Amino acid sequence: PYSTERIRKKVIIEDFVWCGANVTILPGVRLGEGCIIGAGSVVTKDVPACAVACGNPAKVVKYRDIEAYNKLKEEKKFVI
């Protein structure tokens, strides 16, 4: 914690990702398309598409209904 070394890595957030309040995302993490991150979570690893993750560290607790997600996406119910 006392090092002066800086870690510079990109955080990649794909389309239609929902993040709750006070989410912390560490450097180098990718949030897959359509995933949901619970409020107050600390994301330390990549989260796959359509996953629901929460906690400290954030862990996948379930997956969204992919058929329903794709249907909403095709109907353009999401706003970019």
C-alpha atoms as a PDB file:
ATOM      1  CA  PRO A   1       0.000   0.000   0.000  1.00  0.00           C
ATOM      2  CA  TYR A   2       2.977   2.347   0.350  1.00  0.00           C
ATOM      3  CA  SER A   3       4.464   1.752  -3.096  1.00  0.00           C
ATOM      4  CA  THR A   4       4.663   4.620  -5.571  1.00  0.00           C
ATOM      5  CA  GLU A   5       4.189   2.218  -8.483  1.00  0.00           C
ATOM      6  CA  ARG A   6       1.239   3.073 -10.730  1.00  0.00           C
ATOM      7  CA  ILE A   7      -0.795   0.348 -12.437  1.00  0.00           C
ATOM      8  CA  ARG A   8      -2.082   1.539 -15.783  1.00  0.00           C
ATOM      9  CA  LYS A   9      -4.434  -0.911 -17.449  1.00  0.00           C
ATOM     10  CA  LYS A  10      -7.651  -0.302 -19.340  1.00  0.00           C
ATOM     11  CA  VAL A  11     -11.046  -1.177 -17.942  1.00  0.00           C
ATOM     12  CA  ILE A  12     -13.306  -2.439 -20.728  1.00  0.00           C
ATOM     13  CA  ILE A  13     -17.045  -2.060 -20.236  1.00  0.00           C
ATOM     14  CA  GLU A  14     -19.044  -3.583 -23.074  1.00  0.00           C
ATOM     15  CA  ASP A  15     -22.549  -2.544 -24.193  1.00  0.00           C
ATOM     16  CA  PHE A  16     -25.619  -2.657 -21.925  1.00  0.00           C
ATOM     17  CA  VAL A  17     -23.749  -3.160 -18.623  1.00  0.00           C
ATOM     18  CA  TRP A  18     -25.519  -2.076 -15.434  1.00  0.00           C
ATOM     19  CA  CYS A  19     -23.448  -1.041 -12.427  1.00  0.00           C
ATOM     20  CA  GLY A  20     -25.012  -0.274  -9.069  1.00  0.00           C
ATOM     21  CA  ALA A  21     -23.942   2.612  -6.843  1.00  0.00           C
ATOM     22  CA  ASN A  22     -20.420   2.687  -5.379  1.00  0.00           C
ATOM     23  CA  VAL A  23     -18.999  -0.100  -7.559  1.00  0.00           C
ATOM     24  CA  THR A  24     -15.189  -0.291  -7.663  1.00  0.00           C
ATOM     25  CA  ILE A  25     -13.585  -1.781 -10.784  1.00  0.00           C
ATOM     26  CA  LEU A  26      -9.885  -2.625 -10.616  1.00  0.00           C
ATOM     27  CA  PRO A  27      -7.505  -1.997 -13.548  1.00  0.00           C
ATOM     28  CA  GLY A  28      -7.433  -4.544 -16.370  1.00  0.00           C
ATOM     29  CA  VAL A  29     -10.974  -5.884 -15.838  1.00  0.00           C
ATOM     30  CA  ARG A  30     -13.465  -6.545 -18.644  1.00  0.00           C
ATOM     31  CA  LEU A  31     -17.210  -6.393 -18.012  1.00  0.00           C
ATOM     32  CA  GLY A  32     -18.985  -8.531 -20.603  1.00  0.00           C
ATOM     33  CA  GLU A  33     -21.996  -7.415 -22.606  1.00  0.00           C
ATOM     34  CA  GLY A  34     -25.215  -7.195 -20.618  1.00  0.00           C
ATOM     35  CA  CYS A  35     -23.730  -8.058 -17.235  1.00  0.00           C
ATOM     36  CA  ILE A  36     -25.050  -6.567 -13.998  1.00  0.00           C
ATOM     37  CA  ILE A  37     -22.822  -5.537 -11.081  1.00  0.00           C
ATOM     38  CA  GLY A  38     -24.458  -5.183  -7.661  1.00  0.00           C
ATOM     39  CA  ALA A  39     -24.150  -1.991  -5.618  1.00  0.00           C
ATOM     40  CA  GLY A  40     -21.010  -1.689  -3.511  1.00  0.00           C
ATOM     41  CA  SER A  41     -19.227  -4.536  -5.297  1.00  0.00           C
ATOM     42  CA  VAL A  42     -15.469  -4.639  -5.872  1.00  0.00           C
ATOM     43  CA  VAL A  43     -14.757  -6.177  -9.283  1.00  0.00           C
ATOM     44  CA  THR A  44     -11.301  -7.782  -9.314  1.00  0.00           C
ATOM     45  CA  LYS A  45     -11.690 -10.211 -12.250  1.00  0.00           C
ATOM     46  CA  ASP A  46     -13.425 -10.299 -15.635  1.00  0.00           C
ATOM     47  CA  VAL A  47     -17.200 -10.758 -15.577  1.00  0.00           C
ATOM     48  CA  PRO A  48     -18.695 -12.800 -18.453  1.00  0.00           C
ATOM     49  CA  ALA A  49     -21.547 -11.619 -20.667  1.00  0.00           C
ATOM     50  CA  CYS A  50     -25.049 -11.687 -19.130  1.00  0.00           C
ATOM     51  CA  ALA A  51     -23.709 -12.539 -15.662  1.00  0.00           C
ATOM     52  CA  VAL A  52     -24.956 -11.038 -12.406  1.00  0.00           C
ATOM     53  CA  ALA A  53     -22.071 -10.429  -9.992  1.00  0.00           C
ATOM     54  CA  CYS A  54     -21.909  -8.898  -6.532  1.00  0.00           C
ATOM     55  CA  GLY A  55     -19.844  -8.822  -3.357  1.00  0.00           C
ATOM     56  CA  ASN A  56     -16.309  -8.064  -2.276  1.00  0.00           C
ATOM     57  CA  PRO A  57     -14.677  -9.468  -4.304  1.00  0.00           C
ATOM     58  CA  ALA A  58     -17.488  -9.665  -6.862  1.00  0.00           C
ATOM     59  CA  LYS A  59     -18.522 -13.199  -7.764  1.00  0.00           C
ATOM     60  CA  VAL A  60     -21.024 -14.419 -10.334  1.00  0.00           C
ATOM     61  CA  VAL A  61     -24.211 -15.413  -8.513  1.00  0.00           C
ATOM     62  CA  LYS A  62     -26.358 -16.196 -11.566  1.00  0.00           C
ATOM     63  CA  TYR A  63     -26.887 -15.461 -15.245  1.00  0.00           C
ATOM     64  CA  ARG A  64     -29.570 -13.434 -16.978  1.00  0.00           C
ATOM     65  CA  ASP A  65     -32.087 -15.096 -19.283  1.00  0.00           C
ATOM     66  CA  ILE A  66     -30.066 -14.902 -22.512  1.00  0.00           C
ATOM     67  CA  GLU A  67     -33.087 -15.465 -24.786  1.00  0.00           C
ATOM     68  CA  ALA A  68     -34.990 -12.578 -23.172  1.00  0.00           C
ATOM     69  CA  TYR A  69     -31.870 -10.389 -23.299  1.00  0.00           C
ATOM     70  CA  ASN A  70     -31.350 -11.066 -27.025  1.00  0.00           C
ATOM     71  CA  LYS A  71     -35.035 -10.394 -27.717  1.00  0.00           C
ATOM     72  CA  LEU A  72     -34.871  -7.002 -25.976  1.00  0.00           C
ATOM     73  CA  LYS A  73     -31.677  -6.212 -27.858  1.00  0.00           C
ATOM     74  CA  GLU A  74     -33.260  -7.062 -31.225  1.00  0.00           C
ATOM     75  CA  GLU A  75     -36.303  -4.913 -30.385  1.00  0.00           C
ATOM     76  CA  LYS A  76     -33.905  -2.038 -29.561  1.00  0.00           C
ATOM     77  CA  LYS A  77     -35.306  -1.712 -26.038  1.00  0.00           C
ATOM     78  CA  PHE A  78     -31.835  -0.748 -24.767  1.00  0.00           C
ATOM     79  CA  VAL A  79     -30.478   2.757 -25.179  1.00  0.00           C
ATOM     80  CA  ILE A  80     -26.791   3.323 -25.866  1.00  0.00           C
END
